[in-house]
Amino acid sequence: MDKQQLLLVDENDKFLGKYAPKIKCHLGDGLHHRAFTIMILNKKDEVLLQKRKHKLWDNFWDLTNSHPLHREDGTDETYEEAAQRCLKREWGTEIPMKKLFAFNYFAKYKDNLCENEYCIFMIGRYDEEPAPSLEVAYGCKWMPLNKLLKDTSLHSQEYTPWLIKALEELEAHKEIDFKYLNPAERGKVVK
């Protein structure tokens, strides 16, 4: 893993005043740190999935995700800055998005690796043909949300644990209003 510095937080996203190398955050039981995942929907309400190319959960279906970073200039990325950086790197684009909720999760992986994160869930709209970066993905596909919900329960071994947890949380938040994804609302980003 690279030399990125991640922001350590408690289970309520309170910054602990500490940073840790990305590898240290993902070894053994890890260190609880900030993360985000973005569900990108098109006008047909299909979800954009990528076949993940990464040391952790390689070749699993995933959403778009990463971590806010502590930058070399001493400042910390916001979730929104990190999300736009990630979208640019993974898809070559930037899109408005909205934070819907957050959750904590822990998941073990092989070779004594793990995820231990406070993860915010964002949603955005993208109606163009996706072109994933081959540096981070083997490929991609669009899948209807209702089909994805069913498929993750039938074939959970094919999906990242944070995608599954995010969908469980999405199901629990039925009161969420997706109207901001309409063309008139797209430019509004809620933090």
N, C-alpha and C. Protein backbone atom coordinates (compact mmCIF):
# COMPACT_ATOMS: atom_id res chain seq x y z
N MET A 1 0.84 -1.19 0.00
CA MET A 1 0.00 0.00 0.00
C MET A 1 0.88 1.24 0.00
N ASP A 2 0.34 2.30 -0.52
CA ASP A 2 1.13 3.52 -0.66
C ASP A 2 1.34 4.25 0.67
N LYS A 3 1.92 5.42 0.60
CA LYS A 3 2.30 6.16 1.81
C LYS A 3 1.27 7.20 2.22
N GLN A 4 0.03 7.05 1.80
CA GLN A 4 -1.01 7.99 2.19
C GLN A 4 -1.20 8.00 3.70
N GLN A 5 -1.50 9.17 4.24
CA GLN A 5 -1.80 9.35 5.66
C GLN A 5 -3.31 9.52 5.82
N LEU A 6 -3.92 8.63 6.63
CA LEU A 6 -5.36 8.66 6.83
C LEU A 6 -5.70 9.33 8.15
N LEU A 7 -6.93 9.83 8.25
CA LEU A 7 -7.41 10.55 9.43
C LEU A 7 -8.11 9.58 10.37
N LEU A 8 -7.62 9.48 11.60
CA LEU A 8 -8.21 8.58 12.59
C LEU A 8 -9.36 9.27 13.29
N VAL A 9 -10.47 8.54 13.46
CA VAL A 9 -11.68 9.11 14.05
C VAL A 9 -12.32 8.10 15.01
N ASP A 10 -13.24 8.62 15.85
CA ASP A 10 -14.02 7.71 16.69
C ASP A 10 -15.26 7.26 15.91
N GLU A 11 -16.17 6.57 16.57
CA GLU A 11 -17.35 6.03 15.88
C GLU A 11 -18.39 7.08 15.53
N ASN A 12 -18.16 8.34 15.95
CA ASN A 12 -19.04 9.45 15.58
C ASN A 12 -18.36 10.41 14.61
N ASP A 13 -17.25 10.00 14.05
CA ASP A 13 -16.46 10.78 13.09
C ASP A 13 -15.73 11.96 13.73
N LYS A 14 -15.54 11.91 15.04
CA LYS A 14 -14.75 12.96 15.69
C LYS A 14 -13.27 12.67 15.44
N PHE A 15 -12.58 13.64 14.82
CA PHE A 15 -11.16 13.48 14.53
C PHE A 15 -10.39 13.36 15.84
N LEU A 16 -9.52 12.38 15.93
CA LEU A 16 -8.76 12.11 17.16
C LEU A 16 -7.45 12.88 17.23
N GLY A 17 -7.21 13.72 16.24
CA GLY A 17 -5.97 14.51 16.23
C GLY A 17 -4.76 13.70 15.81
N LYS A 18 -5.01 12.53 15.21
CA LYS A 18 -3.91 11.64 14.81
C LYS A 18 -4.10 11.18 13.36
N TYR A 19 -2.96 10.88 12.75
CA TYR A 19 -2.93 10.33 11.40
C TYR A 19 -2.16 9.02 11.45
N ALA A 20 -2.39 8.17 10.47
CA ALA A 20 -1.64 6.91 10.39
C ALA A 20 -1.46 6.53 8.93
N PRO A 21 -0.35 5.85 8.63
CA PRO A 21 -0.16 5.37 7.27
C PRO A 21 -1.28 4.41 6.87
N LYS A 22 -1.63 4.46 5.61
CA LYS A 22 -2.71 3.62 5.09
C LYS A 22 -2.51 2.15 5.44
N ILE A 23 -1.30 1.64 5.32
CA ILE A 23 -1.04 0.23 5.60
C ILE A 23 -1.32 -0.09 7.07
N LYS A 24 -0.94 0.80 7.98
CA LYS A 24 -1.18 0.56 9.41
C LYS A 24 -2.68 0.53 9.72
N CYS A 25 -3.45 1.34 9.00
CA CYS A 25 -4.90 1.38 9.19
C CYS A 25 -5.58 0.10 8.72
N HIS A 26 -4.89 -0.69 7.90
CA HIS A 26 -5.50 -1.88 7.31
C HIS A 26 -4.82 -3.19 7.72
N LEU A 27 -3.92 -3.16 8.69
CA LEU A 27 -3.24 -4.36 9.18
C LEU A 27 -3.88 -4.86 10.47
N GLY A 28 -3.97 -6.17 10.63
CA GLY A 28 -4.51 -6.76 11.86
C GLY A 28 -5.94 -6.34 12.07
N ASP A 29 -6.19 -5.64 13.20
CA ASP A 29 -7.53 -5.10 13.45
C ASP A 29 -7.66 -3.67 12.93
N GLY A 30 -6.59 -3.13 12.36
CA GLY A 30 -6.62 -1.81 11.76
C GLY A 30 -6.80 -0.69 12.76
N LEU A 31 -6.87 0.51 12.25
CA LEU A 31 -7.15 1.72 13.03
C LEU A 31 -8.38 2.37 12.40
N HIS A 32 -9.32 2.78 13.24
CA HIS A 32 -10.58 3.34 12.75
C HIS A 32 -10.32 4.68 12.07
N HIS A 33 -10.68 4.78 10.80
CA HIS A 33 -10.36 5.96 10.00
C HIS A 33 -11.53 6.36 9.10
N ARG A 34 -11.42 7.57 8.57
CA ARG A 34 -12.46 8.09 7.67
C ARG A 34 -12.39 7.42 6.31
N ALA A 35 -13.58 7.20 5.75
CA ALA A 35 -13.70 6.68 4.40
C ALA A 35 -15.03 7.15 3.82
N PHE A 36 -15.21 6.91 2.55
CA PHE A 36 -16.50 7.22 1.92
C PHE A 36 -16.73 6.23 0.79
N THR A 37 -17.99 6.08 0.43
CA THR A 37 -18.36 5.32 -0.74
C THR A 37 -19.44 6.11 -1.48
N ILE A 38 -19.39 6.05 -2.80
CA ILE A 38 -20.29 6.83 -3.64
C ILE A 38 -21.09 5.88 -4.53
N MET A 39 -22.41 5.98 -4.44
CA MET A 39 -23.27 5.25 -5.37
C MET A 39 -23.59 6.20 -6.52
N ILE A 40 -23.17 5.82 -7.70
CA ILE A 40 -23.45 6.61 -8.89
C ILE A 40 -24.61 5.95 -9.63
N LEU A 41 -25.66 6.74 -9.86
CA LEU A 41 -26.84 6.26 -10.58
C LEU A 41 -26.96 6.98 -11.91
N ASN A 42 -27.52 6.30 -12.91
CA ASN A 42 -27.84 6.96 -14.16
C ASN A 42 -29.34 7.27 -14.20
N LYS A 43 -29.81 7.83 -15.31
CA LYS A 43 -31.22 8.23 -15.39
C LYS A 43 -32.17 7.05 -15.35
N LYS A 44 -31.68 5.84 -15.56
CA LYS A 44 -32.51 4.63 -15.46
C LYS A 44 -32.49 4.07 -14.04
N ASP A 45 -31.85 4.78 -13.12
CA ASP A 45 -31.66 4.32 -11.73
C ASP A 45 -30.86 3.03 -11.66
N GLU A 46 -29.91 2.90 -12.58
CA GLU A 46 -28.95 1.79 -12.52
C GLU A 46 -27.73 2.27 -11.76
N VAL A 47 -27.11 1.36 -11.02
CA VAL A 47 -25.94 1.66 -10.20
C VAL A 47 -24.69 1.32 -10.99
N LEU A 48 -23.71 2.22 -10.96
CA LEU A 48 -22.43 1.98 -11.62
C LEU A 48 -21.52 1.18 -10.69
N LEU A 49 -21.16 -0.02 -11.13
CA LEU A 49 -20.27 -0.90 -10.36
C LEU A 49 -18.95 -1.04 -11.09
N GLN A 50 -17.89 -1.20 -10.31
CA GLN A 50 -16.58 -1.47 -10.90
C GLN A 50 -16.06 -2.79 -10.35
N LYS A 51 -15.35 -3.52 -11.20
CA LYS A 51 -14.66 -4.73 -10.76
C LYS A 51 -13.32 -4.26 -10.21
N ARG A 52 -13.22 -4.29 -8.89
CA ARG A 52 -12.13 -3.67 -8.14
C ARG A 52 -10.77 -4.31 -8.44
N LYS A 53 -9.74 -3.47 -8.64
CA LYS A 53 -8.36 -3.89 -8.82
C LYS A 53 -7.55 -3.29 -7.68
N HIS A 54 -7.32 -4.08 -6.62
CA HIS A 54 -6.70 -3.54 -5.41
C HIS A 54 -6.20 -4.69 -4.55
N LYS A 55 -5.24 -4.39 -3.67
CA LYS A 55 -4.71 -5.41 -2.76
C LYS A 55 -5.79 -5.96 -1.83
N LEU A 56 -6.71 -5.09 -1.40
CA LEU A 56 -7.83 -5.51 -0.56
C LEU A 56 -9.06 -5.76 -1.43
N TRP A 57 -9.64 -6.91 -1.32
CA TRP A 57 -10.85 -7.30 -2.06
C TRP A 57 -10.65 -7.13 -3.57
N ASP A 58 -9.56 -7.68 -4.06
CA ASP A 58 -9.28 -7.64 -5.49
C ASP A 58 -10.31 -8.48 -6.25
N ASN A 59 -10.78 -7.95 -7.37
CA ASN A 59 -11.70 -8.64 -8.27
C ASN A 59 -13.11 -8.79 -7.69
N PHE A 60 -13.48 -7.96 -6.72
CA PHE A 60 -14.83 -7.91 -6.17
C PHE A 60 -15.58 -6.76 -6.84
N TRP A 61 -16.90 -6.86 -6.93
CA TRP A 61 -17.71 -5.74 -7.41
C TRP A 61 -17.80 -4.70 -6.30
N ASP A 62 -17.74 -3.43 -6.69
CA ASP A 62 -17.65 -2.35 -5.72
C ASP A 62 -18.28 -1.08 -6.27
N LEU A 63 -18.55 -0.15 -5.36
CA LEU A 63 -18.92 1.22 -5.72
C LEU A 63 -17.63 2.02 -5.83
N THR A 64 -17.72 3.32 -5.93
CA THR A 64 -16.55 4.20 -5.94
C THR A 64 -16.25 4.59 -4.51
N ASN A 65 -15.00 4.46 -4.06
CA ASN A 65 -14.68 4.76 -2.66
C ASN A 65 -13.21 5.04 -2.45
N SER A 66 -12.94 5.69 -1.32
CA SER A 66 -11.56 5.97 -0.92
C SER A 66 -11.59 6.56 0.49
N HIS A 67 -10.54 7.33 0.81
CA HIS A 67 -10.38 7.95 2.13
C HIS A 67 -10.02 9.42 1.97
N PRO A 68 -10.54 10.29 2.84
CA PRO A 68 -9.95 11.63 2.90
C PRO A 68 -8.50 11.51 3.40
N LEU A 69 -7.62 12.33 2.87
CA LEU A 69 -6.19 12.23 3.18
C LEU A 69 -5.68 13.44 3.94
N HIS A 70 -4.61 13.21 4.70
CA HIS A 70 -3.82 14.29 5.27
C HIS A 70 -2.79 14.64 4.20
N ARG A 71 -2.84 15.86 3.70
CA ARG A 71 -1.98 16.26 2.59
C ARG A 71 -0.59 16.67 3.06
N GLU A 72 0.33 16.64 2.11
CA GLU A 72 1.72 17.01 2.42
C GLU A 72 1.85 18.45 2.91
N ASP A 73 0.91 19.33 2.53
CA ASP A 73 0.98 20.72 2.97
C ASP A 73 0.44 20.90 4.39
N GLY A 74 0.04 19.79 5.05
CA GLY A 74 -0.42 19.85 6.44
C GLY A 74 -1.92 20.01 6.60
N THR A 75 -2.65 20.15 5.50
CA THR A 75 -4.11 20.27 5.58
C THR A 75 -4.76 18.90 5.37
N ASP A 76 -6.02 18.82 5.76
CA ASP A 76 -6.79 17.59 5.59
C ASP A 76 -7.85 17.78 4.52
N GLU A 77 -8.02 16.78 3.68
CA GLU A 77 -9.10 16.82 2.70
C GLU A 77 -10.45 16.72 3.41
N THR A 78 -11.44 17.41 2.87
CA THR A 78 -12.82 17.18 3.29
C THR A 78 -13.32 15.93 2.56
N TYR A 79 -14.44 15.42 3.00
CA TYR A 79 -15.04 14.29 2.29
C TYR A 79 -15.31 14.65 0.84
N GLU A 80 -15.83 15.86 0.61
CA GLU A 80 -16.17 16.27 -0.74
C GLU A 80 -14.93 16.39 -1.63
N GLU A 81 -13.85 16.96 -1.10
CA GLU A 81 -12.61 17.06 -1.88
C GLU A 81 -12.07 15.67 -2.21
N ALA A 82 -12.09 14.79 -1.24
CA ALA A 82 -11.60 13.43 -1.46
C ALA A 82 -12.46 12.70 -2.47
N ALA A 83 -13.78 12.89 -2.39
CA ALA A 83 -14.68 12.22 -3.32
C ALA A 83 -14.44 12.69 -4.75
N GLN A 84 -14.25 14.00 -4.94
CA GLN A 84 -13.99 14.50 -6.30
C GLN A 84 -12.64 14.00 -6.82
N ARG A 85 -11.63 13.94 -5.95
CA ARG A 85 -10.32 13.39 -6.34
C ARG A 85 -10.48 11.95 -6.80
N CYS A 86 -11.24 11.19 -6.04
CA CYS A 86 -11.45 9.78 -6.34
C CYS A 86 -12.23 9.61 -7.66
N LEU A 87 -13.28 10.38 -7.85
CA LEU A 87 -14.06 10.29 -9.09
C LEU A 87 -13.19 10.62 -10.31
N LYS A 88 -12.35 11.63 -10.15
CA LYS A 88 -11.45 12.02 -11.26
C LYS A 88 -10.48 10.89 -11.58
N ARG A 89 -9.93 10.28 -10.52
CA ARG A 89 -8.95 9.20 -10.72
C ARG A 89 -9.61 7.94 -11.29
N GLU A 90 -10.77 7.56 -10.75
CA GLU A 90 -11.39 6.30 -11.15
C GLU A 90 -12.20 6.39 -12.44
N TRP A 91 -12.86 7.56 -12.67
CA TRP A 91 -13.78 7.68 -13.81
C TRP A 91 -13.44 8.83 -14.75
N GLY A 92 -12.47 9.68 -14.39
CA GLY A 92 -12.11 10.80 -15.25
C GLY A 92 -13.16 11.91 -15.28
N THR A 93 -13.96 12.03 -14.22
CA THR A 93 -15.02 13.04 -14.19
C THR A 93 -15.23 13.56 -12.78
N GLU A 94 -15.99 14.62 -12.67
CA GLU A 94 -16.47 15.12 -11.38
C GLU A 94 -17.97 15.27 -11.49
N ILE A 95 -18.68 14.94 -10.43
CA ILE A 95 -20.14 15.07 -10.43
C ILE A 95 -20.60 15.61 -9.09
N PRO A 96 -21.71 16.35 -9.07
CA PRO A 96 -22.26 16.76 -7.78
C PRO A 96 -22.78 15.53 -7.04
N MET A 97 -22.72 15.56 -5.75
CA MET A 97 -23.23 14.44 -4.97
C MET A 97 -23.76 14.92 -3.65
N LYS A 98 -24.45 14.04 -2.98
CA LYS A 98 -25.08 14.37 -1.70
C LYS A 98 -24.76 13.28 -0.70
N LYS A 99 -24.42 13.69 0.52
CA LYS A 99 -24.23 12.73 1.61
C LYS A 99 -25.60 12.30 2.11
N LEU A 100 -25.81 10.99 2.22
CA LEU A 100 -27.09 10.49 2.70
C LEU A 100 -27.04 10.00 4.14
N PHE A 101 -25.97 9.31 4.52
CA PHE A 101 -25.83 8.78 5.87
C PHE A 101 -24.40 8.31 6.07
N ALA A 102 -24.12 7.77 7.24
CA ALA A 102 -22.80 7.21 7.54
C ALA A 102 -22.96 5.95 8.37
N PHE A 103 -21.93 5.12 8.35
CA PHE A 103 -21.95 3.89 9.14
C PHE A 103 -20.53 3.49 9.50
N ASN A 104 -20.41 2.70 10.56
CA ASN A 104 -19.13 2.11 10.96
C ASN A 104 -19.15 0.65 10.56
N TYR A 105 -18.00 0.14 10.15
CA TYR A 105 -17.93 -1.29 9.87
C TYR A 105 -16.49 -1.78 10.02
N PHE A 106 -16.41 -3.08 10.22
CA PHE A 106 -15.13 -3.77 10.32
C PHE A 106 -15.24 -5.05 9.51
N ALA A 107 -14.21 -5.34 8.71
CA ALA A 107 -14.21 -6.58 7.93
C ALA A 107 -12.78 -7.09 7.80
N LYS A 108 -12.60 -8.36 8.08
CA LYS A 108 -11.29 -9.02 7.93
C LYS A 108 -11.11 -9.47 6.49
N TYR A 109 -9.85 -9.49 6.07
CA TYR A 109 -9.49 -9.98 4.74
C TYR A 109 -8.28 -10.88 4.89
N LYS A 110 -7.90 -11.56 3.85
CA LYS A 110 -6.75 -12.47 3.91
C LYS A 110 -5.45 -11.71 4.17
N ASP A 111 -4.41 -12.44 4.50
CA ASP A 111 -3.07 -11.89 4.73
C ASP A 111 -3.03 -10.87 5.86
N ASN A 112 -3.88 -11.06 6.89
CA ASN A 112 -3.92 -10.20 8.07
C ASN A 112 -4.29 -8.75 7.73
N LEU A 113 -5.09 -8.54 6.69
CA LEU A 113 -5.56 -7.21 6.30
C LEU A 113 -7.02 -7.04 6.71
N CYS A 114 -7.47 -5.79 6.79
CA CYS A 114 -8.84 -5.53 7.21
C CYS A 114 -9.30 -4.16 6.73
N GLU A 115 -10.57 -3.89 6.97
CA GLU A 115 -11.15 -2.56 6.87
C GLU A 115 -11.73 -2.23 8.23
N ASN A 116 -11.52 -1.01 8.71
CA ASN A 116 -12.01 -0.57 10.01
C ASN A 116 -12.34 0.92 9.84
N GLU A 117 -13.58 1.21 9.42
CA GLU A 117 -13.86 2.55 8.92
C GLU A 117 -15.16 3.16 9.43
N TYR A 118 -15.12 4.49 9.51
CA TYR A 118 -16.32 5.32 9.59
C TYR A 118 -16.53 5.76 8.15
N CYS A 119 -17.60 5.31 7.54
CA CYS A 119 -17.80 5.50 6.10
C CYS A 119 -19.04 6.33 5.83
N ILE A 120 -18.88 7.45 5.13
CA ILE A 120 -20.06 8.18 4.71
C ILE A 120 -20.50 7.67 3.34
N PHE A 121 -21.80 7.69 3.13
CA PHE A 121 -22.40 7.20 1.89
C PHE A 121 -22.93 8.40 1.12
N MET A 122 -22.43 8.57 -0.09
CA MET A 122 -22.85 9.66 -0.96
C MET A 122 -23.49 9.09 -2.21
N ILE A 123 -24.29 9.91 -2.84
CA ILE A 123 -24.96 9.49 -4.07
C ILE A 123 -24.86 10.61 -5.09
N GLY A 124 -24.73 10.23 -6.35
CA GLY A 124 -24.65 11.21 -7.42
C GLY A 124 -25.18 10.63 -8.72
N ARG A 125 -25.33 11.48 -9.70
CA ARG A 125 -25.89 11.09 -11.01
C ARG A 125 -24.81 11.25 -12.07
N TYR A 126 -24.75 10.24 -12.96
CA TYR A 126 -23.84 10.28 -14.10
C TYR A 126 -24.53 9.56 -15.25
N ASP A 127 -24.79 10.27 -16.34
CA ASP A 127 -25.56 9.70 -17.44
C ASP A 127 -24.74 9.43 -18.70
N GLU A 128 -23.44 9.48 -18.58
CA GLU A 128 -22.59 9.22 -19.74
C GLU A 128 -22.06 7.79 -19.70
N GLU A 129 -21.43 7.38 -20.78
CA GLU A 129 -20.82 6.05 -20.83
C GLU A 129 -19.58 6.05 -19.95
N PRO A 130 -19.53 5.17 -18.96
CA PRO A 130 -18.37 5.17 -18.05
C PRO A 130 -17.12 4.61 -18.71
N ALA A 131 -15.98 5.14 -18.29
CA ALA A 131 -14.69 4.66 -18.75
C ALA A 131 -13.78 4.54 -17.53
N PRO A 132 -13.80 3.39 -16.87
CA PRO A 132 -13.00 3.26 -15.65
C PRO A 132 -11.51 3.28 -15.93
N SER A 133 -10.76 3.80 -14.98
CA SER A 133 -9.32 3.75 -15.06
C SER A 133 -8.87 2.30 -14.90
N LEU A 134 -8.07 1.81 -15.81
CA LEU A 134 -7.58 0.44 -15.72
C LEU A 134 -6.57 0.27 -14.59
N GLU A 135 -6.16 1.38 -14.00
CA GLU A 135 -5.28 1.33 -12.84
C GLU A 135 -6.02 0.83 -11.59
N VAL A 136 -7.33 1.09 -11.52
CA VAL A 136 -8.10 0.76 -10.32
C VAL A 136 -9.24 -0.22 -10.55
N ALA A 137 -9.54 -0.55 -11.81
CA ALA A 137 -10.67 -1.44 -12.09
C ALA A 137 -10.37 -2.34 -13.29
N TYR A 138 -10.89 -3.56 -13.22
CA TYR A 138 -10.80 -4.48 -14.35
C TYR A 138 -11.88 -4.20 -15.39
N GLY A 139 -12.96 -3.56 -14.95
CA GLY A 139 -14.08 -3.25 -15.83
C GLY A 139 -15.22 -2.68 -15.00
N CYS A 140 -16.36 -2.46 -15.67
CA CYS A 140 -17.50 -1.90 -14.96
C CYS A 140 -18.79 -2.35 -15.62
N LYS A 141 -19.89 -2.10 -14.93
CA LYS A 141 -21.21 -2.39 -15.48
C LYS A 141 -22.25 -1.56 -14.74
N TRP A 142 -23.39 -1.35 -15.39
CA TRP A 142 -24.55 -0.74 -14.77
C TRP A 142 -25.47 -1.87 -14.33
N MET A 143 -26.07 -1.74 -13.15
CA MET A 143 -27.02 -2.74 -12.66
C MET A 143 -28.19 -2.02 -11.98
N PRO A 144 -29.43 -2.41 -12.31
CA PRO A 144 -30.57 -1.80 -11.61
C PRO A 144 -30.44 -1.98 -10.10
N LEU A 145 -30.80 -0.94 -9.35
CA LEU A 145 -30.66 -0.99 -7.90
C LEU A 145 -31.40 -2.17 -7.28
N ASN A 146 -32.63 -2.42 -7.72
CA ASN A 146 -33.37 -3.55 -7.13
C ASN A 146 -32.69 -4.89 -7.42
N LYS A 147 -32.09 -5.02 -8.58
CA LYS A 147 -31.35 -6.26 -8.91
C LYS A 147 -30.08 -6.37 -8.06
N LEU A 148 -29.40 -5.24 -7.85
CA LEU A 148 -28.19 -5.23 -7.02
C LEU A 148 -28.52 -5.64 -5.59
N LEU A 149 -29.61 -5.11 -5.05
CA LEU A 149 -30.04 -5.48 -3.69
C LEU A 149 -30.24 -6.99 -3.56
N LYS A 150 -30.87 -7.59 -4.56
CA LYS A 150 -31.09 -9.05 -4.54
C LYS A 150 -29.79 -9.81 -4.73
N ASP A 151 -28.97 -9.34 -5.68
CA ASP A 151 -27.74 -10.07 -6.01
C ASP A 151 -26.74 -10.07 -4.86
N THR A 152 -26.68 -8.97 -4.10
CA THR A 152 -25.74 -8.95 -2.98
C THR A 152 -26.14 -9.93 -1.88
N SER A 153 -27.42 -10.22 -1.76
CA SER A 153 -27.83 -11.22 -0.76
C SER A 153 -27.62 -12.64 -1.28
N LEU A 154 -27.75 -12.85 -2.58
CA LEU A 154 -27.56 -14.18 -3.16
C LEU A 154 -26.08 -14.53 -3.40
N HIS A 155 -25.28 -13.51 -3.72
CA HIS A 155 -23.88 -13.71 -4.10
C HIS A 155 -22.96 -12.76 -3.34
N SER A 156 -23.10 -12.71 -2.04
CA SER A 156 -22.34 -11.74 -1.24
C SER A 156 -20.83 -11.88 -1.42
N GLN A 157 -20.37 -13.06 -1.73
CA GLN A 157 -18.94 -13.30 -1.89
C GLN A 157 -18.34 -12.57 -3.10
N GLU A 158 -19.19 -12.00 -3.95
CA GLU A 158 -18.73 -11.28 -5.14
C GLU A 158 -18.64 -9.77 -4.93
N TYR A 159 -19.05 -9.29 -3.74
CA TYR A 159 -19.14 -7.86 -3.46
C TYR A 159 -18.29 -7.48 -2.25
N THR A 160 -17.81 -6.24 -2.25
CA THR A 160 -17.05 -5.75 -1.09
C THR A 160 -17.97 -5.63 0.12
N PRO A 161 -17.42 -5.82 1.32
CA PRO A 161 -18.27 -5.75 2.53
C PRO A 161 -18.88 -4.37 2.76
N TRP A 162 -18.19 -3.29 2.38
CA TRP A 162 -18.76 -1.96 2.57
C TRP A 162 -19.88 -1.68 1.58
N LEU A 163 -19.84 -2.26 0.39
CA LEU A 163 -20.96 -2.12 -0.53
C LEU A 163 -22.20 -2.80 0.08
N ILE A 164 -22.02 -4.00 0.60
CA ILE A 164 -23.14 -4.72 1.22
C ILE A 164 -23.69 -3.95 2.41
N LYS A 165 -22.81 -3.46 3.27
CA LYS A 165 -23.24 -2.68 4.44
C LYS A 165 -23.94 -1.39 4.01
N ALA A 166 -23.44 -0.72 2.99
CA ALA A 166 -24.06 0.50 2.49
C ALA A 166 -25.47 0.23 1.98
N LEU A 167 -25.66 -0.88 1.28
CA LEU A 167 -26.99 -1.22 0.78
C LEU A 167 -27.94 -1.57 1.91
N GLU A 168 -27.43 -2.24 2.94
CA GLU A 168 -28.26 -2.53 4.13
C GLU A 168 -28.72 -1.23 4.77
N GLU A 169 -27.80 -0.27 4.90
CA GLU A 169 -28.14 1.03 5.48
C GLU A 169 -29.12 1.79 4.59
N LEU A 170 -28.92 1.71 3.28
CA LEU A 170 -29.83 2.37 2.34
C LEU A 170 -31.24 1.82 2.50
N GLU A 171 -31.36 0.52 2.64
CA GLU A 171 -32.67 -0.11 2.86
C GLU A 171 -33.30 0.37 4.16
N ALA A 172 -32.48 0.60 5.17
CA ALA A 172 -32.98 1.05 6.48
C ALA A 172 -33.39 2.53 6.45
N HIS A 173 -32.92 3.28 5.45
CA HIS A 173 -33.22 4.71 5.33
C HIS A 173 -34.23 4.94 4.21
N LYS A 174 -35.36 4.29 4.28
CA LYS A 174 -36.37 4.39 3.22
C LYS A 174 -36.92 5.81 3.06
N GLU A 175 -36.72 6.65 4.07
CA GLU A 175 -37.25 8.01 4.01
C GLU A 175 -36.42 8.92 3.11
N ILE A 176 -35.31 8.44 2.58
CA ILE A 176 -34.43 9.27 1.75
C ILE A 176 -35.16 9.69 0.48
N ASP A 177 -35.04 10.97 0.17
CA ASP A 177 -35.67 11.55 -1.01
C ASP A 177 -34.59 11.71 -2.09
N PHE A 178 -34.80 11.09 -3.23
CA PHE A 178 -33.81 11.13 -4.30
C PHE A 178 -34.10 12.23 -5.31
N LYS A 179 -35.02 13.16 -5.01
CA LYS A 179 -35.41 14.18 -5.98
C LYS A 179 -34.24 15.05 -6.44
N TYR A 180 -33.23 15.20 -5.60
CA TYR A 180 -32.11 16.07 -5.99
C TYR A 180 -31.35 15.51 -7.18
N LEU A 181 -31.63 14.27 -7.55
CA LEU A 181 -30.98 13.70 -8.73
C LEU A 181 -31.66 14.14 -10.02
N ASN A 182 -32.81 14.82 -9.92
CA ASN A 182 -33.47 15.34 -11.10
C ASN A 182 -32.62 16.46 -11.69
N PRO A 183 -32.71 16.68 -13.01
CA PRO A 183 -31.84 17.68 -13.65
C PRO A 183 -31.86 19.05 -12.98
N ALA A 184 -33.00 19.52 -12.50
CA ALA A 184 -33.07 20.85 -11.88
C ALA A 184 -32.34 20.91 -10.56
N GLU A 185 -32.13 19.77 -9.92
CA GLU A 185 -31.51 19.74 -8.60
C GLU A 185 -30.04 19.29 -8.63
N ARG A 186 -29.51 18.93 -9.79
CA ARG A 186 -28.19 18.30 -9.86
C ARG A 186 -27.06 19.16 -9.36
N GLY A 187 -27.13 20.45 -9.50
CA GLY A 187 -26.01 21.30 -9.10
C GLY A 187 -25.89 21.52 -7.61
N LYS A 188 -26.87 21.08 -6.85
CA LYS A 188 -26.88 21.31 -5.40
C LYS A 188 -26.19 20.17 -4.69
N VAL A 189 -25.16 20.47 -3.96
CA VAL A 189 -24.44 19.46 -3.20
C VAL A 189 -24.66 19.75 -1.73
N VAL A 190 -25.17 18.78 -1.02
CA VAL A 190 -25.43 18.94 0.40
C VAL A 190 -24.32 18.23 1.15
N LYS A 191 -23.76 18.91 2.16
CA LYS A 191 -22.67 18.34 2.94
C LYS A 191 -23.19 17.74 4.21
